[in-house]
Amino acid sequence: MNKRELGLHIDNFVKLNPKKNTRPNINKYKQNSFFIIQNSFKENKKNIITSNYDDIFYGKNSKLLGKKWIEILLSSRDIFEYHKRIRDDFSYCKPRKLIKILINDLFYLYKNNIPNILIEDSEKKYKNELKNKLEKIRHFLDEQDWSNYFFNLQKLMHEYLITFLNWKKDSFNYESYNKIITKKLIDKNFTEKEILEYLKFIQKVNLYRNALSKVKPGKESNKKIYEEWNNFSSSSKERFCWKIYFELLNFIKLTKLN
């Protein structure tokens, strides 16, 4: 299955979900799409962030938690049972939000397609200089050279952060950039949730860069992250770094609003 086929199955699956309490048009291919999405969740259950799926399904007086929705998805025998269990209490779905999260999660988890998807995305949208920097980051990721991976990731993030905040060489103020970037994001009408998401990304990159640099980590927080990282399996490290790479691409898109 290639990325186009996976995308079609995601699209079919989203269309199978409740909409204004009407039954979907179900054929053999769409039933197959349900099982493909269901199996993807079963195989990668540990890597799914359930809260991403909160409030996508809702009724007149209640909303469905992502954790509960995934339990229903995984335990349903077929699309008919799944649809009935969702529709009875949560007759409405936010399809745009659902398809966006599914694409992010399932393309990320569909490991064999990740490099091609990312390379194609960067080739279409970015200038050569940026493409080369992203390629360099992916090279260190492929080589599992984590110190250099986080070094280059942080360096590129800071370049865009400085541009976004319009800092000059003599006015760097990393200690208070959370307040500065929050204000700028508020001015651009970003929601509180979106602002928190970007601040967490910045903090995450800085913490892991400091903890995993070739210089021995000094601060207690760095030591804790360093120890946690060493307890990760090789596949867990790789998944984590691919996810942060996706977050970097989103961050670059954000900073180009300047």
C-alpha atoms as a PDB file:
ATOM      1  CA  MET A   1       0.000   0.000   0.000  1.00  0.00           C
ATOM      2  CA  ASN A   2       1.416   3.376  -1.017  1.00  0.00           C
ATOM      3  CA  LYS A   3       0.700   6.778   0.505  1.00  0.00           C
ATOM      4  CA  ARG A   4      -2.009   7.578  -2.062  1.00  0.00           C
ATOM      5  CA  GLU A   5      -3.879   4.371  -1.202  1.00  0.00           C
ATOM      6  CA  LEU A   6      -3.557   5.076   2.513  1.00  0.00           C
ATOM      7  CA  GLY A   7      -4.906   8.587   1.909  1.00  0.00           C
ATOM      8  CA  LEU A   8      -7.952   7.152   0.089  1.00  0.00           C
ATOM      9  CA  HIS A   9      -8.640   4.761   2.965  1.00  0.00           C
ATOM     10  CA  ILE A  10      -8.433   7.655   5.452  1.00  0.00           C
ATOM     11  CA  ASP A  11     -10.839   9.688   3.314  1.00  0.00           C
ATOM     12  CA  ASN A  12     -13.263   6.747   3.073  1.00  0.00           C
ATOM     13  CA  PHE A  13     -13.089   6.124   6.800  1.00  0.00           C
ATOM     14  CA  VAL A  14     -13.909   9.745   7.630  1.00  0.00           C
ATOM     15  CA  LYS A  15     -16.944   9.622   5.324  1.00  0.00           C
ATOM     16  CA  LEU A  16     -18.169   6.529   7.195  1.00  0.00           C
ATOM     17  CA  ASN A  17     -18.526   8.474  10.448  1.00  0.00           C
ATOM     18  CA  PRO A  18     -21.836   9.964  11.668  1.00  0.00           C
ATOM     19  CA  LYS A  19     -23.056  13.168  10.119  1.00  0.00           C
ATOM     20  CA  LYS A  20     -26.354  14.687  11.247  1.00  0.00           C
ATOM     21  CA  ASN A  21     -27.484  11.244  12.376  1.00  0.00           C
ATOM     22  CA  THR A  22     -27.666   9.838   8.832  1.00  0.00           C
ATOM     23  CA  ARG A  23     -26.400   6.401   7.834  1.00  0.00           C
ATOM     24  CA  PRO A  24     -23.391   6.307   5.498  1.00  0.00           C
ATOM     25  CA  ASN A  25     -23.358   4.663   2.092  1.00  0.00           C
ATOM     26  CA  ILE A  26     -21.327   1.544   2.829  1.00  0.00           C
ATOM     27  CA  ASN A  27     -19.825  -0.662   0.123  1.00  0.00           C
ATOM     28  CA  LYS A  28     -17.203  -3.424   0.193  1.00  0.00           C
ATOM     29  CA  TYR A  29     -14.287  -1.036  -0.425  1.00  0.00           C
ATOM     30  CA  LYS A  30     -15.357   1.301   2.365  1.00  0.00           C
ATOM     31  CA  GLN A  31     -15.715  -1.639   4.752  1.00  0.00           C
ATOM     32  CA  ASN A  32     -12.133  -2.551   3.859  1.00  0.00           C
ATOM     33  CA  SER A  33     -11.082   1.036   4.669  1.00  0.00           C
ATOM     34  CA  PHE A  34     -12.605   0.688   8.126  1.00  0.00           C
ATOM     35  CA  PHE A  35     -10.568  -2.456   8.862  1.00  0.00           C
ATOM     36  CA  ILE A  36      -7.348  -0.899   7.524  1.00  0.00           C
ATOM     37  CA  ILE A  37      -7.739   2.146   9.808  1.00  0.00           C
ATOM     38  CA  GLN A  38      -8.778  -0.052  12.716  1.00  0.00           C
ATOM     39  CA  ASN A  39      -5.708  -2.304  12.270  1.00  0.00           C
ATOM     40  CA  SER A  40      -3.429   0.741  11.999  1.00  0.00           C
ATOM     41  CA  PHE A  41      -4.663   1.885  15.411  1.00  0.00           C
ATOM     42  CA  LYS A  42      -4.312  -1.622  16.883  1.00  0.00           C
ATOM     43  CA  GLU A  43      -0.723  -1.948  15.681  1.00  0.00           C
ATOM     44  CA  ASN A  44       0.278   1.501  16.927  1.00  0.00           C
ATOM     45  CA  LYS A  45      -1.938   1.924  19.986  1.00  0.00           C
ATOM     46  CA  LYS A  46       0.989   2.877  22.239  1.00  0.00           C
ATOM     47  CA  ASN A  47       2.021   5.706  19.929  1.00  0.00           C
ATOM     48  CA  ILE A  48      -1.404   7.339  19.544  1.00  0.00           C
ATOM     49  CA  ILE A  49      -2.074  10.460  21.619  1.00  0.00           C
ATOM     50  CA  THR A  50      -5.718   9.880  22.519  1.00  0.00           C
ATOM     51  CA  SER A  51      -6.407  13.480  23.561  1.00  0.00           C
ATOM     52  CA  ASN A  52      -5.857  14.560  19.934  1.00  0.00           C
ATOM     53  CA  TYR A  53      -9.243  12.986  19.204  1.00  0.00           C
ATOM     54  CA  ASP A  54     -11.186  14.714  21.986  1.00  0.00           C
ATOM     55  CA  ASP A  55     -14.450  16.461  21.018  1.00  0.00           C
ATOM     56  CA  ILE A  56     -14.409  15.353  17.359  1.00  0.00           C
ATOM     57  CA  PHE A  57     -17.660  13.442  17.933  1.00  0.00           C
ATOM     58  CA  TYR A  58     -20.482  15.145  19.776  1.00  0.00           C
ATOM     59  CA  GLY A  59     -24.206  15.103  20.480  1.00  0.00           C
ATOM     60  CA  LYS A  60     -26.584  17.795  21.600  1.00  0.00           C
ATOM     61  CA  ASN A  61     -25.437  17.653  25.235  1.00  0.00           C
ATOM     62  CA  SER A  62     -22.120  15.795  25.285  1.00  0.00           C
ATOM     63  CA  LYS A  63     -18.764  15.272  23.588  1.00  0.00           C
ATOM     64  CA  LEU A  64     -16.805  12.043  23.128  1.00  0.00           C
ATOM     65  CA  LEU A  65     -13.328  11.750  24.629  1.00  0.00           C
ATOM     66  CA  GLY A  66     -10.637  10.530  22.275  1.00  0.00           C
ATOM     67  CA  LYS A  67      -9.725   7.660  24.601  1.00  0.00           C
ATOM     68  CA  LYS A  68     -13.296   6.349  24.557  1.00  0.00           C
ATOM     69  CA  TRP A  69     -13.578   6.779  20.778  1.00  0.00           C
ATOM     70  CA  ILE A  70     -10.431   4.699  20.216  1.00  0.00           C
ATOM     71  CA  GLU A  71     -11.804   1.998  22.547  1.00  0.00           C
ATOM     72  CA  ILE A  72     -14.970   1.873  20.415  1.00  0.00           C
ATOM     73  CA  LEU A  73     -12.933   1.794  17.187  1.00  0.00           C
ATOM     74  CA  LEU A  74     -10.713  -1.053  18.396  1.00  0.00           C
ATOM     75  CA  SER A  75     -13.500  -3.198  19.907  1.00  0.00           C
ATOM     76  CA  SER A  76     -16.101  -2.942  17.109  1.00  0.00           C
ATOM     77  CA  ARG A  77     -16.547  -6.104  15.015  1.00  0.00           C
ATOM     78  CA  ASP A  78     -17.311  -4.193  11.809  1.00  0.00           C
ATOM     79  CA  ILE A  79     -18.281  -0.787  10.436  1.00  0.00           C
ATOM     80  CA  PHE A  80     -21.975  -1.350  11.231  1.00  0.00           C
ATOM     81  CA  GLU A  81     -21.371  -1.974  14.933  1.00  0.00           C
ATOM     82  CA  TYR A  82     -18.887   0.911  15.076  1.00  0.00           C
ATOM     83  CA  HIS A  83     -21.271   3.333  13.399  1.00  0.00           C
ATOM     84  CA  LYS A  84     -24.187   2.384  15.641  1.00  0.00           C
ATOM     85  CA  ARG A  85     -22.132   2.756  18.839  1.00  0.00           C
ATOM     86  CA  ILE A  86     -20.975   6.218  17.805  1.00  0.00           C
ATOM     87  CA  ARG A  87     -24.234   7.435  16.261  1.00  0.00           C
ATOM     88  CA  ASP A  88     -26.554   6.608  19.162  1.00  0.00           C
ATOM     89  CA  ASP A  89     -24.960   9.150  21.515  1.00  0.00           C
ATOM     90  CA  PHE A  90     -22.715  11.266  19.299  1.00  0.00           C
ATOM     91  CA  SER A  91     -24.549  11.927  16.068  1.00  0.00           C
ATOM     92  CA  TYR A  92     -22.217  14.628  14.745  1.00  0.00           C
ATOM     93  CA  CYS A  93     -18.601  14.545  13.577  1.00  0.00           C
ATOM     94  CA  LYS A  94     -16.041  17.243  12.750  1.00  0.00           C
ATOM     95  CA  PRO A  95     -14.703  15.630   9.529  1.00  0.00           C
ATOM     96  CA  ARG A  96     -12.081  18.264   8.706  1.00  0.00           C
ATOM     97  CA  LYS A  97     -10.505  17.990  12.147  1.00  0.00           C
ATOM     98  CA  LEU A  98     -10.671  14.183  12.071  1.00  0.00           C
ATOM     99  CA  ILE A  99      -9.075  13.804   8.650  1.00  0.00           C
ATOM    100  CA  LYS A 100      -6.293  16.260   9.554  1.00  0.00           C
ATOM    101  CA  ILE A 101      -5.369  14.317  12.706  1.00  0.00           C
ATOM    102  CA  LEU A 102      -5.640  10.934  10.988  1.00  0.00           C
ATOM    103  CA  ILE A 103      -3.355  12.040   8.170  1.00  0.00           C
ATOM    104  CA  ASN A 104      -0.785  13.377  10.647  1.00  0.00           C
ATOM    105  CA  ASP A 105      -0.942  10.260  12.843  1.00  0.00           C
ATOM    106  CA  LEU A 106      -1.188   7.525  10.229  1.00  0.00           C
ATOM    107  CA  PHE A 107       1.334   8.954   7.782  1.00  0.00           C
ATOM    108  CA  TYR A 108       3.680   9.382  10.745  1.00  0.00           C
ATOM    109  CA  LEU A 109       3.062   5.797  11.861  1.00  0.00           C
ATOM    110  CA  TYR A 110       3.236   4.434   8.324  1.00  0.00           C
ATOM    111  CA  LYS A 111       6.977   4.257   8.652  1.00  0.00           C
ATOM    112  CA  ASN A 112       7.919   3.149   5.134  1.00  0.00           C
ATOM    113  CA  ASN A 113       6.357   6.240   3.595  1.00  0.00           C
ATOM    114  CA  ILE A 114       7.639   8.882   5.998  1.00  0.00           C
ATOM    115  CA  PRO A 115      10.902   9.903   4.253  1.00  0.00           C
ATOM    116  CA  ASN A 116       9.274  10.230   0.816  1.00  0.00           C
ATOM    117  CA  ILE A 117       6.340  12.219   2.169  1.00  0.00           C
ATOM    118  CA  LEU A 118       8.613  14.652   3.965  1.00  0.00           C
ATOM    119  CA  ILE A 119      11.047  15.032   1.085  1.00  0.00           C
ATOM    120  CA  GLU A 120       8.259  15.642  -1.421  1.00  0.00           C
ATOM    121  CA  ASP A 121       6.660  18.172   0.899  1.00  0.00           C
ATOM    122  CA  SER A 122       9.898  20.113   1.359  1.00  0.00           C
ATOM    123  CA  GLU A 123      10.801  20.006  -2.353  1.00  0.00           C
ATOM    124  CA  LYS A 124       7.483  21.586  -3.322  1.00  0.00           C
ATOM    125  CA  LYS A 125       7.346  24.361  -0.741  1.00  0.00           C
ATOM    126  CA  TYR A 126      10.834  25.418   0.317  1.00  0.00           C
ATOM    127  CA  LYS A 127      13.843  27.121  -1.177  1.00  0.00           C
ATOM    128  CA  ASN A 128      17.013  25.150  -1.880  1.00  0.00           C
ATOM    129  CA  GLU A 129      18.828  26.473   1.180  1.00  0.00           C
ATOM    130  CA  LEU A 130      16.079  25.270   3.503  1.00  0.00           C
ATOM    131  CA  LYS A 131      15.723  21.958   1.649  1.00  0.00           C
ATOM    132  CA  ASN A 132      19.434  21.308   2.175  1.00  0.00           C
ATOM    133  CA  LYS A 133      19.162  22.013   5.901  1.00  0.00           C
ATOM    134  CA  LEU A 134      16.161  19.700   6.236  1.00  0.00           C
ATOM    135  CA  GLU A 135      17.970  17.003   4.271  1.00  0.00           C
ATOM    136  CA  LYS A 136      20.908  17.312   6.654  1.00  0.00           C
ATOM    137  CA  ILE A 137      18.602  16.872   9.660  1.00  0.00           C
ATOM    138  CA  ARG A 138      17.026  13.789   8.061  1.00  0.00           C
ATOM    139  CA  HIS A 139      20.490  12.388   7.374  1.00  0.00           C
ATOM    140  CA  PHE A 140      21.402  12.498  11.069  1.00  0.00           C
ATOM    141  CA  LEU A 141      18.012  10.991  11.892  1.00  0.00           C
ATOM    142  CA  ASP A 142      18.581   8.117   9.452  1.00  0.00           C
ATOM    143  CA  GLU A 143      22.057   7.583  10.913  1.00  0.00           C
ATOM    144  CA  GLN A 144      20.590   7.819  14.437  1.00  0.00           C
ATOM    145  CA  ASP A 145      23.229  10.401  15.265  1.00  0.00           C
ATOM    146  CA  TRP A 146      20.991  11.977  17.883  1.00  0.00           C
ATOM    147  CA  SER A 147      23.345  14.661  19.159  1.00  0.00           C
ATOM    148  CA  ASN A 148      23.869  16.135  15.689  1.00  0.00           C
ATOM    149  CA  TYR A 149      20.180  15.639  14.876  1.00  0.00           C
ATOM    150  CA  PHE A 150      19.031  17.795  17.790  1.00  0.00           C
ATOM    151  CA  PHE A 151      21.861  20.300  17.266  1.00  0.00           C
ATOM    152  CA  ASN A 152      20.802  20.975  13.673  1.00  0.00           C
ATOM    153  CA  LEU A 153      17.109  20.878  14.548  1.00  0.00           C
ATOM    154  CA  GLN A 154      17.596  23.490  17.286  1.00  0.00           C
ATOM    155  CA  LYS A 155      19.801  25.649  15.068  1.00  0.00           C
ATOM    156  CA  LEU A 156      17.186  25.782  12.299  1.00  0.00           C
ATOM    157  CA  MET A 157      14.381  26.395  14.795  1.00  0.00           C
ATOM    158  CA  HIS A 158      16.280  29.350  16.294  1.00  0.00           C
ATOM    159  CA  GLU A 159      16.901  30.836  12.850  1.00  0.00           C
ATOM    160  CA  TYR A 160      13.166  30.957  12.218  1.00  0.00           C
ATOM    161  CA  LEU A 161      12.405  32.052  15.749  1.00  0.00           C
ATOM    162  CA  ILE A 162      14.762  35.027  15.411  1.00  0.00           C
ATOM    163  CA  THR A 163      13.216  35.949  12.059  1.00  0.00           C
ATOM    164  CA  PHE A 164       9.679  35.587  13.382  1.00  0.00           C
ATOM    165  CA  LEU A 165      10.387  37.815  16.390  1.00  0.00           C
ATOM    166  CA  ASN A 166      12.392  40.276  14.290  1.00  0.00           C
ATOM    167  CA  TRP A 167      15.372  40.100  16.633  1.00  0.00           C
ATOM    168  CA  LYS A 168      18.667  41.753  15.819  1.00  0.00           C
ATOM    169  CA  LYS A 169      22.112  40.474  16.751  1.00  0.00           C
ATOM    170  CA  ASP A 170      22.347  42.818  19.721  1.00  0.00           C
ATOM    171  CA  SER A 171      18.859  42.125  21.075  1.00  0.00           C
ATOM    172  CA  PHE A 172      18.698  38.372  21.685  1.00  0.00           C
ATOM    173  CA  ASN A 173      16.614  37.628  24.735  1.00  0.00           C
ATOM    174  CA  TYR A 174      16.178  33.866  24.999  1.00  0.00           C
ATOM    175  CA  GLU A 175      15.248  34.024  28.686  1.00  0.00           C
ATOM    176  CA  SER A 176      11.972  35.800  27.981  1.00  0.00           C
ATOM    177  CA  TYR A 177      11.132  34.598  24.480  1.00  0.00           C
ATOM    178  CA  ASN A 178       8.137  32.617  25.758  1.00  0.00           C
ATOM    179  CA  LYS A 179       6.468  35.899  26.727  1.00  0.00           C
ATOM    180  CA  ILE A 180       7.551  37.588  23.500  1.00  0.00           C
ATOM    181  CA  ILE A 181       6.398  34.826  21.173  1.00  0.00           C
ATOM    182  CA  THR A 182       3.132  34.427  23.126  1.00  0.00           C
ATOM    183  CA  LYS A 183       2.361  38.103  22.612  1.00  0.00           C
ATOM    184  CA  LYS A 184       3.151  37.893  18.906  1.00  0.00           C
ATOM    185  CA  LEU A 185       0.956  34.813  18.472  1.00  0.00           C
ATOM    186  CA  ILE A 186      -1.888  36.491  20.339  1.00  0.00           C
ATOM    187  CA  ASP A 187      -1.533  39.486  18.023  1.00  0.00           C
ATOM    188  CA  LYS A 188      -1.919  37.078  15.084  1.00  0.00           C
ATOM    189  CA  ASN A 189      -5.129  35.639  16.607  1.00  0.00           C
ATOM    190  CA  PHE A 190      -3.783  32.182  17.453  1.00  0.00           C
ATOM    191  CA  THR A 191      -5.804  30.267  20.029  1.00  0.00           C
ATOM    192  CA  GLU A 192      -4.500  29.506  23.510  1.00  0.00           C
ATOM    193  CA  LYS A 193      -4.186  25.830  22.584  1.00  0.00           C
ATOM    194  CA  GLU A 194      -2.180  26.609  19.437  1.00  0.00           C
ATOM    195  CA  ILE A 195       0.138  28.944  21.357  1.00  0.00           C
ATOM    196  CA  LEU A 196       0.775  26.284  23.998  1.00  0.00           C
ATOM    197  CA  GLU A 197       1.513  23.744  21.272  1.00  0.00           C
ATOM    198  CA  TYR A 198       4.271  25.900  19.742  1.00  0.00           C
ATOM    199  CA  LEU A 199       5.763  26.842  23.109  1.00  0.00           C
ATOM    200  CA  LYS A 200       5.962  23.145  24.027  1.00  0.00           C
ATOM    201  CA  PHE A 201       7.708  22.409  20.743  1.00  0.00           C
ATOM    202  CA  ILE A 202      10.329  25.120  21.372  1.00  0.00           C
ATOM    203  CA  GLN A 203      10.908  23.917  24.916  1.00  0.00           C
ATOM    204  CA  LYS A 204      11.123  20.280  23.847  1.00  0.00           C
ATOM    205  CA  VAL A 205      13.782  20.961  21.197  1.00  0.00           C
ATOM    206  CA  ASN A 206      15.871  23.056  23.591  1.00  0.00           C
ATOM    207  CA  LEU A 207      15.663  20.527  26.415  1.00  0.00           C
ATOM    208  CA  TYR A 208      16.633  17.551  24.275  1.00  0.00           C
ATOM    209  CA  ARG A 209      19.399  19.463  22.543  1.00  0.00           C
ATOM    210  CA  ASN A 210      20.896  20.459  25.890  1.00  0.00           C
ATOM    211  CA  ALA A 211      20.490  16.998  27.398  1.00  0.00           C
ATOM    212  CA  LEU A 212      21.849  15.032  24.432  1.00  0.00           C
ATOM    213  CA  SER A 213      24.675  17.303  23.346  1.00  0.00           C
ATOM    214  CA  LYS A 214      28.180  15.883  23.376  1.00  0.00           C
ATOM    215  CA  VAL A 215      28.957  18.089  26.342  1.00  0.00           C
ATOM    216  CA  LYS A 216      28.094  16.235  29.538  1.00  0.00           C
ATOM    217  CA  PRO A 217      24.636  17.418  30.728  1.00  0.00           C
ATOM    218  CA  GLY A 218      24.981  19.562  33.849  1.00  0.00           C
ATOM    219  CA  LYS A 219      21.538  20.630  35.027  1.00  0.00           C
ATOM    220  CA  GLU A 220      19.319  18.199  36.891  1.00  0.00           C
ATOM    221  CA  SER A 221      16.557  18.597  34.278  1.00  0.00           C
ATOM    222  CA  ASN A 222      19.048  17.723  31.534  1.00  0.00           C
ATOM    223  CA  LYS A 223      20.247  14.675  33.458  1.00  0.00           C
ATOM    224  CA  LYS A 224      16.678  13.448  33.869  1.00  0.00           C
ATOM    225  CA  ILE A 225      15.944  13.754  30.142  1.00  0.00           C
ATOM    226  CA  TYR A 226      19.298  12.144  29.329  1.00  0.00           C
ATOM    227  CA  GLU A 227      18.433   9.151  31.525  1.00  0.00           C
ATOM    228  CA  GLU A 228      14.924   8.865  30.086  1.00  0.00           C
ATOM    229  CA  TRP A 229      16.309   8.995  26.558  1.00  0.00           C
ATOM    230  CA  ASN A 230      18.772   6.207  27.262  1.00  0.00           C
ATOM    231  CA  ASN A 231      15.881   4.049  28.469  1.00  0.00           C
ATOM    232  CA  PHE A 232      14.035   4.457  25.160  1.00  0.00           C
ATOM    233  CA  SER A 233      14.289   1.652  22.636  1.00  0.00           C
ATOM    234  CA  SER A 234      15.890   2.434  19.275  1.00  0.00           C
ATOM    235  CA  SER A 235      12.492   2.384  17.523  1.00  0.00           C
ATOM    236  CA  SER A 236      10.984   4.681  20.179  1.00  0.00           C
ATOM    237  CA  LYS A 237      13.806   7.193  19.667  1.00  0.00           C
ATOM    238  CA  GLU A 238      13.249   7.119  15.921  1.00  0.00           C
ATOM    239  CA  ARG A 239       9.469   7.609  16.237  1.00  0.00           C
ATOM    240  CA  PHE A 240       9.982  10.472  18.668  1.00  0.00           C
ATOM    241  CA  CYS A 241      12.445  12.206  16.336  1.00  0.00           C
ATOM    242  CA  TRP A 242      10.237  11.825  13.273  1.00  0.00           C
ATOM    243  CA  LYS A 243       7.387  13.372  15.237  1.00  0.00           C
ATOM    244  CA  ILE A 244       9.536  16.346  16.254  1.00  0.00           C
ATOM    245  CA  TYR A 245      10.603  16.719  12.630  1.00  0.00           C
ATOM    246  CA  PHE A 246       6.944  17.061  11.658  1.00  0.00           C
ATOM    247  CA  GLU A 247       6.564  19.672  14.386  1.00  0.00           C
ATOM    248  CA  LEU A 248       9.544  21.557  12.972  1.00  0.00           C
ATOM    249  CA  LEU A 249       7.855  21.736   9.556  1.00  0.00           C
ATOM    250  CA  ASN A 250       4.715  23.117  11.198  1.00  0.00           C
ATOM    251  CA  PHE A 251       6.820  25.631  13.116  1.00  0.00           C
ATOM    252  CA  ILE A 252       8.491  26.808   9.900  1.00  0.00           C
ATOM    253  CA  LYS A 253       5.061  27.333   8.344  1.00  0.00           C
ATOM    254  CA  LEU A 254       4.064  29.357  11.397  1.00  0.00           C
ATOM    255  CA  THR A 255       7.099  31.638  11.366  1.00  0.00           C
ATOM    256  CA  LYS A 256       6.555  32.468   7.693  1.00  0.00           C
ATOM    257  CA  LEU A 257       3.466  34.408   8.793  1.00  0.00           C
ATOM    258  CA  ASN A 258       5.815  37.210   9.736  1.00  0.00           C
END
